[in-house]
Protein backbone atom coordinates (compact mmCIF):
# COMPACT_ATOMS: atom_id res chain seq x y z
CA UNK A 1 54.81 -109.31 -71.01
CA UNK A 2 56.09 -106.03 -69.64
CA UNK A 3 59.76 -105.12 -69.51
CA UNK A 4 61.53 -106.68 -66.56
CA UNK A 5 65.10 -105.79 -65.73
CA UNK A 6 67.24 -108.72 -64.68
CA UNK A 7 70.39 -107.42 -62.95
CA UNK A 8 73.27 -109.84 -63.55
CA UNK A 9 75.49 -109.87 -60.45
CA UNK A 10 78.69 -107.87 -60.79
CA UNK A 11 78.09 -106.76 -64.38
CA UNK A 12 76.85 -103.14 -64.31
CA UNK A 13 78.04 -102.52 -67.91
CA UNK A 14 75.53 -105.13 -69.10
CA UNK A 15 71.77 -104.64 -68.83
CA UNK A 16 69.18 -107.34 -69.46
CA UNK A 17 65.48 -106.86 -70.11
CA UNK A 18 62.85 -109.49 -70.80
CA UNK A 19 60.08 -108.49 -73.16
CA UNK A 20 57.55 -110.82 -74.78
CA UNK A 21 59.78 -113.75 -73.96
CA UNK A 22 62.90 -112.27 -75.56
CA UNK A 23 66.02 -111.46 -73.54
CA UNK A 24 67.63 -108.19 -74.68
CA UNK A 25 71.24 -107.84 -73.52
CA UNK A 26 72.49 -104.27 -73.83
CA UNK A 27 76.18 -103.37 -73.75
CA UNK A 28 75.93 -100.42 -71.41
CA UNK A 29 79.21 -98.53 -71.46
CA UNK A 30 78.45 -95.76 -73.93
CA UNK A 31 81.14 -93.35 -72.72
CA UNK A 32 83.72 -95.95 -73.82
CA UNK A 33 81.78 -96.89 -76.97
CA UNK A 34 80.87 -100.14 -75.20
CA UNK A 35 84.46 -101.42 -75.39
CA UNK A 36 84.46 -104.92 -73.95
CA UNK A 37 86.42 -105.39 -70.75
CA UNK A 38 87.40 -108.84 -69.53
CA UNK A 39 84.56 -108.91 -67.03
CA UNK A 40 82.04 -107.85 -69.70
CA UNK A 41 83.13 -110.68 -71.97
CA UNK A 42 82.87 -113.21 -69.15
CA UNK A 43 79.44 -111.93 -68.16
CA UNK A 44 78.15 -111.81 -71.74
CA UNK A 45 79.06 -115.47 -72.25
CA UNK A 46 77.37 -116.33 -68.93
CA UNK A 47 74.20 -114.44 -69.91
CA UNK A 48 74.06 -116.15 -73.30
CA UNK A 49 74.18 -119.48 -71.48
CA UNK A 50 71.65 -118.38 -68.86
CA UNK A 51 69.04 -117.21 -71.36
CA UNK A 52 70.00 -119.61 -74.13
CA UNK A 53 68.88 -122.77 -72.35
CA UNK A 54 65.39 -122.56 -73.83
CA UNK A 55 63.64 -122.22 -70.47
CA UNK A 56 63.94 -118.51 -69.71
CA UNK A 57 63.52 -116.92 -73.15
CA UNK A 58 62.53 -117.83 -76.70
CA UNK A 59 65.45 -115.83 -78.10
CA UNK A 60 68.25 -113.39 -77.29
CA UNK A 61 69.04 -109.98 -78.75
CA UNK A 62 72.43 -108.33 -78.14
CA UNK A 63 72.64 -104.59 -78.74
CA UNK A 64 74.52 -101.53 -77.51
CA UNK A 65 73.69 -98.24 -75.82
CA UNK A 66 74.81 -94.97 -77.37
CA UNK A 67 76.28 -94.40 -80.82
CA UNK A 68 78.30 -97.64 -81.02
CA UNK A 69 77.45 -101.30 -80.78
CA UNK A 70 80.95 -101.90 -79.41
CA UNK A 71 84.49 -100.72 -80.03
CA UNK A 72 85.61 -104.32 -79.46
CA UNK A 73 88.50 -105.17 -77.17
CA UNK A 74 89.09 -102.61 -74.41
CA UNK A 75 92.52 -101.62 -75.68
CA UNK A 76 93.44 -99.52 -72.66
CA UNK A 77 92.84 -102.50 -70.37
CA UNK A 78 94.73 -104.83 -72.71
CA UNK A 79 97.67 -102.41 -72.98
CA UNK A 80 98.42 -102.75 -69.28
CA UNK A 81 101.19 -105.27 -68.56
CA UNK A 82 101.37 -108.18 -68.60
CA UNK A 83 99.89 -108.51 -72.07
CA UNK A 84 98.28 -111.93 -72.65
CA UNK A 85 96.47 -111.79 -75.98
CA UNK A 86 95.65 -115.53 -76.11
CA UNK A 87 93.80 -115.11 -72.80
CA UNK A 88 92.05 -111.99 -74.10
CA UNK A 89 91.02 -113.90 -77.22
CA UNK A 90 89.77 -116.87 -75.21
CA UNK A 91 87.25 -114.59 -73.49
CA UNK A 92 85.94 -113.62 -76.91
CA UNK A 93 85.88 -117.23 -78.05
CA UNK A 94 83.72 -118.25 -75.12
CA UNK A 95 81.05 -115.79 -76.27
CA UNK A 96 80.93 -117.62 -79.59
CA UNK A 97 80.74 -121.00 -77.84
CA UNK A 98 77.84 -119.76 -75.73
CA UNK A 99 75.97 -118.33 -78.71
CA UNK A 100 76.38 -121.51 -80.75
CA UNK A 101 75.25 -123.68 -77.84
CA UNK A 102 72.05 -121.67 -77.32
CA UNK A 103 68.79 -123.55 -77.80
CA UNK A 104 67.21 -120.31 -79.01
CA UNK A 105 68.04 -117.83 -81.78
CA UNK A 106 70.68 -115.22 -80.98
CA UNK A 107 70.40 -111.95 -82.92
CA UNK A 108 72.80 -108.99 -83.05
CA UNK A 109 71.03 -105.62 -83.19
CA UNK A 110 73.78 -103.29 -84.35
CA UNK A 111 72.92 -99.76 -83.24
CA UNK A 112 76.28 -98.41 -84.44
CA UNK A 113 79.78 -99.49 -85.39
CA UNK A 114 80.91 -102.98 -84.37
CA UNK A 115 84.72 -103.07 -84.30
CA UNK A 116 87.07 -106.05 -84.23
CA UNK A 117 86.04 -108.75 -81.80
CA UNK A 118 82.60 -107.19 -81.36
CA UNK A 119 81.87 -107.50 -85.06
CA UNK A 120 83.43 -110.95 -85.11
CA UNK A 121 81.25 -112.25 -82.29
CA UNK A 122 78.21 -110.91 -84.17
CA UNK A 123 79.19 -113.08 -87.15
CA UNK A 124 78.66 -116.16 -84.96
CA UNK A 125 75.08 -115.14 -84.10
CA UNK A 126 72.11 -116.44 -86.07
CA UNK A 127 71.21 -113.06 -87.59
CA UNK A 128 72.37 -109.46 -87.71
CA UNK A 129 70.08 -106.43 -88.01
CA UNK A 130 71.45 -102.88 -88.10
CA UNK A 131 70.53 -99.24 -88.32
CA UNK A 132 71.49 -97.25 -91.46
CA UNK A 133 74.36 -95.61 -89.58
CA UNK A 134 75.85 -98.86 -88.31
CA UNK A 135 79.04 -100.41 -89.68
CA UNK A 136 81.25 -103.45 -89.28
CA UNK A 137 85.00 -102.93 -89.05
CA UNK A 138 87.93 -105.32 -88.78
CA UNK A 139 91.04 -103.20 -88.07
CA UNK A 140 93.22 -105.98 -86.65
CA UNK A 141 95.55 -106.50 -89.59
CA UNK A 142 96.51 -102.82 -89.72
CA UNK A 143 97.20 -102.77 -85.97
CA UNK A 144 99.23 -105.97 -85.69
CA UNK A 145 96.43 -108.12 -84.25
CA UNK A 146 94.45 -111.07 -85.57
CA UNK A 147 90.76 -111.88 -85.86
CA UNK A 148 88.88 -113.89 -83.25
CA UNK A 149 85.56 -115.67 -82.59
CA UNK A 150 86.11 -118.08 -85.50
CA UNK A 151 85.76 -115.13 -87.89
CA UNK A 152 88.25 -116.97 -90.11
CA UNK A 153 85.45 -119.55 -90.56
CA UNK A 154 82.31 -117.41 -90.38
CA UNK A 155 83.36 -114.57 -92.67
CA UNK A 156 84.26 -116.76 -95.70
CA UNK A 157 81.06 -118.73 -95.01
CA UNK A 158 79.02 -115.54 -95.33
CA UNK A 159 80.78 -113.68 -98.15
CA UNK A 160 83.19 -116.12 -99.79
CA UNK A 161 86.93 -116.59 -99.36
CA UNK A 162 88.13 -113.80 -101.67
CA UNK A 163 85.85 -111.16 -100.20
CA UNK A 164 86.71 -112.26 -96.66
CA UNK A 165 90.42 -111.92 -97.44
CA UNK A 166 89.87 -108.37 -98.70
CA UNK A 167 87.75 -107.39 -95.69
CA UNK A 168 90.31 -108.69 -93.17
CA UNK A 169 93.59 -107.78 -94.85
CA UNK A 170 92.22 -104.41 -95.92
CA UNK A 171 91.05 -103.63 -92.36
CA UNK A 172 87.78 -102.63 -93.93
CA UNK A 173 84.96 -100.55 -92.50
CA UNK A 174 81.74 -101.73 -94.12
CA UNK A 175 78.68 -99.50 -93.86
CA UNK A 176 75.22 -100.92 -93.30
CA UNK A 177 74.08 -100.68 -96.92
CA UNK A 178 77.21 -102.40 -98.24
CA UNK A 179 77.09 -104.99 -95.48
CA UNK A 180 73.50 -105.82 -96.39
CA UNK A 181 74.50 -106.27 -100.02
CA UNK A 182 77.37 -108.56 -99.04
CA UNK A 183 75.18 -110.74 -96.84
CA UNK A 184 76.84 -109.65 -93.60
CA UNK A 185 73.52 -108.19 -92.45
CA UNK A 186 70.04 -109.65 -92.74
CA UNK A 187 68.14 -106.36 -92.52
CA UNK A 188 68.59 -102.62 -92.03
CA UNK A 189 65.96 -100.69 -90.11
CA UNK A 190 65.49 -97.34 -88.40
CA UNK A 191 66.97 -96.93 -84.89
CA UNK A 192 63.61 -96.84 -83.14
CA UNK A 193 62.64 -100.15 -84.74
CA UNK A 194 65.98 -101.93 -84.26
CA UNK A 195 65.28 -104.03 -81.17
CA UNK A 196 61.58 -104.51 -82.03
CA UNK A 197 62.62 -105.83 -85.46
CA UNK A 198 65.04 -108.28 -83.85
CA UNK A 199 62.32 -109.36 -81.43
CA UNK A 200 59.82 -109.87 -84.26
CA UNK A 201 62.34 -112.02 -86.12
CA UNK A 202 62.77 -114.22 -83.07
CA UNK A 203 59.00 -114.55 -82.69
CA UNK A 204 58.70 -115.52 -86.35
CA UNK A 205 61.39 -118.17 -85.93
CA UNK A 206 59.92 -119.63 -82.72
CA UNK A 207 56.20 -120.30 -83.21
CA UNK A 208 54.50 -122.61 -80.71
CA UNK A 209 55.42 -126.25 -81.27
CA UNK A 210 58.35 -125.41 -83.55
CA UNK A 211 61.55 -127.43 -83.92
CA UNK A 212 63.71 -124.31 -83.87
CA UNK A 213 66.34 -125.68 -81.48
CA UNK A 214 66.85 -128.76 -83.64
CA UNK A 215 67.20 -126.69 -86.78
CA UNK A 216 69.64 -124.29 -85.16
CA UNK A 217 71.87 -127.27 -84.37
CA UNK A 218 71.66 -128.36 -88.01
CA UNK A 219 72.23 -124.93 -89.55
CA UNK A 220 75.04 -123.64 -87.36
CA UNK A 221 78.60 -124.69 -88.26
CA UNK A 222 79.96 -127.89 -86.79
CA UNK A 223 81.30 -127.26 -83.28
CA UNK A 224 84.57 -129.07 -84.03
CA UNK A 225 85.17 -126.84 -87.08
CA UNK A 226 84.54 -123.76 -84.95
CA UNK A 227 86.97 -124.96 -82.28
CA UNK A 228 89.63 -125.66 -84.90
CA UNK A 229 89.22 -122.15 -86.32
CA UNK A 230 89.47 -120.59 -82.86
CA UNK A 231 92.56 -122.66 -82.04
CA UNK A 232 94.23 -121.40 -85.23
CA UNK A 233 93.29 -117.83 -84.34
CA UNK A 234 94.74 -118.23 -80.85
CA UNK A 235 97.99 -119.56 -82.30
CA UNK A 236 98.09 -116.65 -84.75
CA UNK A 237 97.69 -114.05 -82.01
CA UNK A 238 100.32 -115.83 -79.92
CA UNK A 239 102.77 -115.42 -82.79
CA UNK A 240 102.10 -111.72 -83.35
CA UNK A 241 102.44 -111.12 -79.63
CA UNK A 242 105.76 -112.97 -79.54
CA UNK A 243 106.97 -110.88 -82.48
CA UNK A 244 106.18 -107.66 -80.60
CA UNK A 245 103.88 -106.42 -83.34
CA UNK A 246 100.70 -106.68 -81.27
CA UNK A 247 101.82 -104.58 -78.30
CA UNK A 248 102.93 -101.74 -80.54
CA UNK A 249 99.62 -101.83 -82.38
CA UNK A 250 97.55 -101.93 -79.19
CA UNK A 251 99.45 -99.07 -77.57
CA UNK A 252 99.10 -96.91 -80.69
CA UNK A 253 95.38 -97.67 -81.02
CA UNK A 254 94.79 -97.10 -77.28
CA UNK A 255 96.52 -93.72 -77.53
CA UNK A 256 94.25 -92.71 -80.42
CA UNK A 257 91.16 -93.54 -78.35
CA UNK A 258 92.15 -91.31 -75.41
């Protein structure tokens, strides 16, 4: 099947192509390091639902354009009053809900650094492939924020509780090689092979007549456990916002990105 661009209405910063039955969603805001605005988060969740129903594609790849997968939350947008971090976090959480509800595999193809909520949403996908120059980074603790996307569940599940505590409290940046060793990544490949490798993985997981959708439901975490983790994360961010810590951290981080 040749590449076919599917333009999602009202979402210019997201690009979708269909190739060999795989939907490739590209975060397309490279000048801003693909920082995720509110509308991008809404549209990404909608696209995951659209192509995750098992009728339009056999799998989904999410990647970024430019030198970053995504800088995470658009801090400049969030810094504008009124600040409502629980609402901002809910838009991230809905991406995780959509990914976990997909009847097809969802794979993150990390072309560069994945910061904060962007890296956390990737943890909820079924696999993560990266280039050698990619990295995962969770800076929230150092900037007065809290993790999202049920990362408080997914990260210990992937690397163990002690390592997860160090990664989050230490606001760690984990390069691709280290992330592969920790089990945060499933493969590292050259940039030109990144999306093709993700597509091949999806093809391998979805042969004709397979029970992939049934196994995804068995292998993904229980939906109630995910919702409980996200509710705890929302309550945590509500508390840091009420304490005034979050606004100061966002404003300082937004100023550094200018």
